[in-house]
Amino acid sequence: MGPFRGLHHVAVICSDYQRSRAFYTETLGLTVNGRVKVSQRAAQNVATLGLG
């Protein structure tokens, strides 16, 4: 096995939460595992996405 053994997580910062979530779920087919609303500001919403 090579030096790359896995991936724990990736953080992506975006300017449009709803559009980005639609891209990752509808286009790439990822599933939403959870969502945390950090504050009223849309820039501070967090979604956890699963690969399958």
PDB file of N, CA and C in Angstrom:
ATOM      1  N   MET A   1       0.851  -1.182   0.000  1.00  0.00           N
ATOM      2  CA  MET A   1       0.000   0.000   0.000  1.00  0.00           C
ATOM      3  C   MET A   1       0.893   1.240   0.000  1.00  0.00           C
ATOM      4  N   GLY A   2       0.490   2.269  -0.738  1.00  0.00           N
ATOM      5  CA  GLY A   2       1.254   3.509  -0.824  1.00  0.00           C
ATOM      6  C   GLY A   2       1.141   4.346   0.437  1.00  0.00           C
ATOM      7  N   PRO A   3       1.739   5.530   0.431  1.00  0.00           N
ATOM      8  CA  PRO A   3       1.748   6.386   1.611  1.00  0.00           C
ATOM      9  C   PRO A   3       0.374   6.980   1.945  1.00  0.00           C
ATOM     10  N   PHE A   4      -0.528   7.070   0.975  1.00  0.00           N
ATOM     11  CA  PHE A   4      -1.860   7.628   1.218  1.00  0.00           C
ATOM     12  C   PHE A   4      -2.770   6.507   1.674  1.00  0.00           C
ATOM     13  N   ARG A   5      -3.237   6.570   2.925  1.00  0.00           N
ATOM     14  CA  ARG A   5      -4.029   5.472   3.488  1.00  0.00           C
ATOM     15  C   ARG A   5      -5.496   5.811   3.692  1.00  0.00           C
ATOM     16  N   GLY A   6      -5.853   7.075   3.615  1.00  0.00           N
ATOM     17  CA  GLY A   6      -7.254   7.427   3.815  1.00  0.00           C
ATOM     18  C   GLY A   6      -7.448   8.929   3.896  1.00  0.00           C
ATOM     19  N   LEU A   7      -8.676   9.304   4.138  1.00  0.00           N
ATOM     20  CA  LEU A   7      -9.034  10.713   4.214  1.00  0.00           C
ATOM     21  C   LEU A   7     -10.040  10.863   5.354  1.00  0.00           C
ATOM     22  N   HIS A   8      -9.727  11.739   6.299  1.00  0.00           N
ATOM     23  CA  HIS A   8     -10.627  11.926   7.433  1.00  0.00           C
ATOM     24  C   HIS A   8     -11.736  12.912   7.094  1.00  0.00           C
ATOM     25  N   HIS A   9     -11.382  14.129   6.684  1.00  0.00           N
ATOM     26  CA  HIS A   9     -12.399  15.095   6.279  1.00  0.00           C
ATOM     27  C   HIS A   9     -11.773  16.208   5.453  1.00  0.00           C
ATOM     28  N   VAL A  10     -12.632  16.913   4.763  1.00  0.00           N
ATOM     29  CA  VAL A  10     -12.222  18.056   3.952  1.00  0.00           C
ATOM     30  C   VAL A  10     -13.166  19.201   4.293  1.00  0.00           C
ATOM     31  N   ALA A  11     -12.639  20.378   4.515  1.00  0.00           N
ATOM     32  CA  ALA A  11     -13.468  21.558   4.778  1.00  0.00           C
ATOM     33  C   ALA A  11     -13.455  22.450   3.537  1.00  0.00           C
ATOM     34  N   VAL A  12     -14.631  22.858   3.115  1.00  0.00           N
ATOM     35  CA  VAL A  12     -14.763  23.730   1.951  1.00  0.00           C
ATOM     36  C   VAL A  12     -15.505  24.981   2.401  1.00  0.00           C
ATOM     37  N   ILE A  13     -14.900  26.124   2.213  1.00  0.00           N
ATOM     38  CA  ILE A  13     -15.519  27.399   2.561  1.00  0.00           C
ATOM     39  C   ILE A  13     -16.146  27.969   1.298  1.00  0.00           C
ATOM     40  N   CYS A  14     -17.420  28.351   1.386  1.00  0.00           N
ATOM     41  CA  CYS A  14     -18.120  28.842   0.197  1.00  0.00           C
ATOM     42  C   CYS A  14     -18.894  30.120   0.531  1.00  0.00           C
ATOM     43  N   SER A  15     -19.234  30.842  -0.505  1.00  0.00           N
ATOM     44  CA  SER A  15     -19.963  32.095  -0.311  1.00  0.00           C
ATOM     45  C   SER A  15     -21.478  31.909  -0.376  1.00  0.00           C
ATOM     46  N   ASP A  16     -21.950  30.815  -0.960  1.00  0.00           N
ATOM     47  CA  ASP A  16     -23.385  30.564  -1.097  1.00  0.00           C
ATOM     48  C   ASP A  16     -23.679  29.146  -0.610  1.00  0.00           C
ATOM     49  N   TYR A  17     -24.129  29.038   0.636  1.00  0.00           N
ATOM     50  CA  TYR A  17     -24.340  27.738   1.271  1.00  0.00           C
ATOM     51  C   TYR A  17     -25.335  26.879   0.500  1.00  0.00           C
ATOM     52  N   GLN A  18     -26.491  27.431   0.175  1.00  0.00           N
ATOM     53  CA  GLN A  18     -27.531  26.651  -0.497  1.00  0.00           C
ATOM     54  C   GLN A  18     -27.059  26.149  -1.870  1.00  0.00           C
ATOM     55  N   ARG A  19     -26.423  27.000  -2.631  1.00  0.00           N
ATOM     56  CA  ARG A  19     -25.930  26.606  -3.955  1.00  0.00           C
ATOM     57  C   ARG A  19     -24.852  25.534  -3.838  1.00  0.00           C
ATOM     58  N   SER A  20     -23.954  25.693  -2.893  1.00  0.00           N
ATOM     59  CA  SER A  20     -22.888  24.713  -2.692  1.00  0.00           C
ATOM     60  C   SER A  20     -23.452  23.379  -2.232  1.00  0.00           C
ATOM     61  N   ARG A  21     -24.397  23.413  -1.303  1.00  0.00           N
ATOM     62  CA  ARG A  21     -25.016  22.169  -0.836  1.00  0.00           C
ATOM     63  C   ARG A  21     -25.716  21.457  -1.995  1.00  0.00           C
ATOM     64  N   ALA A  22     -26.415  22.202  -2.841  1.00  0.00           N
ATOM     65  CA  ALA A  22     -27.082  21.604  -3.998  1.00  0.00           C
ATOM     66  C   ALA A  22     -26.062  20.953  -4.935  1.00  0.00           C
ATOM     67  N   PHE A  23     -24.934  21.607  -5.165  1.00  0.00           N
ATOM     68  CA  PHE A  23     -23.898  21.048  -6.033  1.00  0.00           C
ATOM     69  C   PHE A  23     -23.370  19.728  -5.477  1.00  0.00           C
ATOM     70  N   TYR A  24     -23.022  19.726  -4.202  1.00  0.00           N
ATOM     71  CA  TYR A  24     -22.433  18.520  -3.616  1.00  0.00           C
ATOM     72  C   TYR A  24     -23.434  17.375  -3.490  1.00  0.00           C
ATOM     73  N   THR A  25     -24.706  17.684  -3.269  1.00  0.00           N
ATOM     74  CA  THR A  25     -25.692  16.609  -3.119  1.00  0.00           C
ATOM     75  C   THR A  25     -26.317  16.209  -4.456  1.00  0.00           C
ATOM     76  N   GLU A  26     -26.736  17.173  -5.258  1.00  0.00           N
ATOM     77  CA  GLU A  26     -27.431  16.862  -6.506  1.00  0.00           C
ATOM     78  C   GLU A  26     -26.484  16.501  -7.648  1.00  0.00           C
ATOM     79  N   THR A  27     -25.358  17.193  -7.746  1.00  0.00           N
ATOM     80  CA  THR A  27     -24.430  16.940  -8.845  1.00  0.00           C
ATOM     81  C   THR A  27     -23.455  15.810  -8.524  1.00  0.00           C
ATOM     82  N   LEU A  28     -22.857  15.864  -7.339  1.00  0.00           N
ATOM     83  CA  LEU A  28     -21.867  14.850  -6.972  1.00  0.00           C
ATOM     84  C   LEU A  28     -22.479  13.640  -6.264  1.00  0.00           C
ATOM     85  N   GLY A  29     -23.708  13.749  -5.800  1.00  0.00           N
ATOM     86  CA  GLY A  29     -24.390  12.626  -5.186  1.00  0.00           C
ATOM     87  C   GLY A  29     -24.016  12.337  -3.743  1.00  0.00           C
ATOM     88  N   LEU A  30     -23.408  13.301  -3.049  1.00  0.00           N
ATOM     89  CA  LEU A  30     -23.075  13.106  -1.638  1.00  0.00           C
ATOM     90  C   LEU A  30     -24.344  13.210  -0.801  1.00  0.00           C
ATOM     91  N   THR A  31     -24.342  12.598   0.359  1.00  0.00           N
ATOM     92  CA  THR A  31     -25.495  12.650   1.251  1.00  0.00           C
ATOM     93  C   THR A  31     -25.199  13.562   2.433  1.00  0.00           C
ATOM     94  N   VAL A  32     -26.217  14.262   2.912  1.00  0.00           N
ATOM     95  CA  VAL A  32     -26.060  15.129   4.073  1.00  0.00           C
ATOM     96  C   VAL A  32     -26.225  14.263   5.322  1.00  0.00           C
ATOM     97  N   ASN A  33     -25.172  14.175   6.118  1.00  0.00           N
ATOM     98  CA  ASN A  33     -25.208  13.391   7.346  1.00  0.00           C
ATOM     99  C   ASN A  33     -25.644  14.214   8.543  1.00  0.00           C
ATOM    100  N   GLY A  34     -25.491  15.518   8.470  1.00  0.00           N
ATOM    101  CA  GLY A  34     -25.871  16.391   9.570  1.00  0.00           C
ATOM    102  C   GLY A  34     -25.713  17.839   9.177  1.00  0.00           C
ATOM    103  N   ARG A  35     -26.307  18.700   9.983  1.00  0.00           N
ATOM    104  CA  ARG A  35     -26.199  20.139   9.717  1.00  0.00           C
ATOM    105  C   ARG A  35     -26.174  20.865  11.048  1.00  0.00           C
ATOM    106  N   VAL A  36     -25.307  21.860  11.141  1.00  0.00           N
ATOM    107  CA  VAL A  36     -25.187  22.668  12.345  1.00  0.00           C
ATOM    108  C   VAL A  36     -25.331  24.125  11.945  1.00  0.00           C
ATOM    109  N   LYS A  37     -26.238  24.836  12.574  1.00  0.00           N
ATOM    110  CA  LYS A  37     -26.370  26.266  12.324  1.00  0.00           C
ATOM    111  C   LYS A  37     -25.597  26.973  13.427  1.00  0.00           C
ATOM    112  N   VAL A  38     -24.430  27.475  13.072  1.00  0.00           N
ATOM    113  CA  VAL A  38     -23.533  28.092  14.047  1.00  0.00           C
ATOM    114  C   VAL A  38     -24.088  29.441  14.497  1.00  0.00           C
ATOM    115  N   SER A  39     -24.677  30.198  13.557  1.00  0.00           N
ATOM    116  CA  SER A  39     -25.274  31.491  13.888  1.00  0.00           C
ATOM    117  C   SER A  39     -26.305  31.838  12.829  1.00  0.00           C
ATOM    118  N   GLN A  40     -26.901  33.005  12.933  1.00  0.00           N
ATOM    119  CA  GLN A  40     -27.888  33.442  11.959  1.00  0.00           C
ATOM    120  C   GLN A  40     -27.260  33.767  10.606  1.00  0.00           C
ATOM    121  N   ARG A  41     -25.965  34.000  10.594  1.00  0.00           N
ATOM    122  CA  ARG A  41     -25.283  34.324   9.337  1.00  0.00           C
ATOM    123  C   ARG A  41     -25.139  33.068   8.486  1.00  0.00           C
ATOM    124  N   ALA A  42     -25.548  33.159   7.228  1.00  0.00           N
ATOM    125  CA  ALA A  42     -25.469  32.004   6.331  1.00  0.00           C
ATOM    126  C   ALA A  42     -24.037  31.535   6.158  1.00  0.00           C
ATOM    127  N   ALA A  43     -23.076  32.437   6.314  1.00  0.00           N
ATOM    128  CA  ALA A  43     -21.670  32.079   6.129  1.00  0.00           C
ATOM    129  C   ALA A  43     -21.166  31.153   7.227  1.00  0.00           C
ATOM    130  N   GLN A  44     -21.967  30.967   8.256  1.00  0.00           N
ATOM    131  CA  GLN A  44     -21.525  30.130   9.363  1.00  0.00           C
ATOM    132  C   GLN A  44     -22.354  28.855   9.490  1.00  0.00           C
ATOM    133  N   ASN A  45     -23.001  28.437   8.425  1.00  0.00           N
ATOM    134  CA  ASN A  45     -23.704  27.153   8.408  1.00  0.00           C
ATOM    135  C   ASN A  45     -22.704  26.061   8.088  1.00  0.00           C
ATOM    136  N   VAL A  46     -22.907  24.890   8.663  1.00  0.00           N
ATOM    137  CA  VAL A  46     -22.018  23.765   8.449  1.00  0.00           C
ATOM    138  C   VAL A  46     -22.847  22.541   8.106  1.00  0.00           C
ATOM    139  N   ALA A  47     -22.489  21.849   7.040  1.00  0.00           N
ATOM    140  CA  ALA A  47     -23.128  20.582   6.697  1.00  0.00           C
ATOM    141  C   ALA A  47     -22.051  19.508   6.642  1.00  0.00           C
ATOM    142  N   THR A  48     -22.353  18.350   7.181  1.00  0.00           N
ATOM    143  CA  THR A  48     -21.426  17.219   7.051  1.00  0.00           C
ATOM    144  C   THR A  48     -21.981  16.313   5.960  1.00  0.00           C
ATOM    145  N   LEU A  49     -21.128  15.967   5.008  1.00  0.00           N
ATOM    146  CA  LEU A  49     -21.538  15.182   3.860  1.00  0.00           C
ATOM    147  C   LEU A  49     -20.826  13.839   3.844  1.00  0.00           C
ATOM    148  N   GLY A  50     -21.543  12.804   3.475  1.00  0.00           N
ATOM    149  CA  GLY A  50     -20.961  11.476   3.384  1.00  0.00           C
ATOM    150  C   GLY A  50     -20.749  11.067   1.934  1.00  0.00           C
ATOM    151  N   LEU A  51     -19.805  10.193   1.717  1.00  0.00           N
ATOM    152  CA  LEU A  51     -19.498   9.746   0.366  1.00  0.00           C
ATOM    153  C   LEU A  51     -20.421   8.628  -0.098  1.00  0.00           C
ATOM    154  N   GLY A  52     -21.188   8.074   0.776  1.00  0.00           N
ATOM    155  CA  GLY A  52     -22.064   6.990   0.325  1.00  0.00           C
ATOM    156  C   GLY A  52     -22.946   6.465   1.390  1.00  0.00           C
TER     157      GLY A  52
END
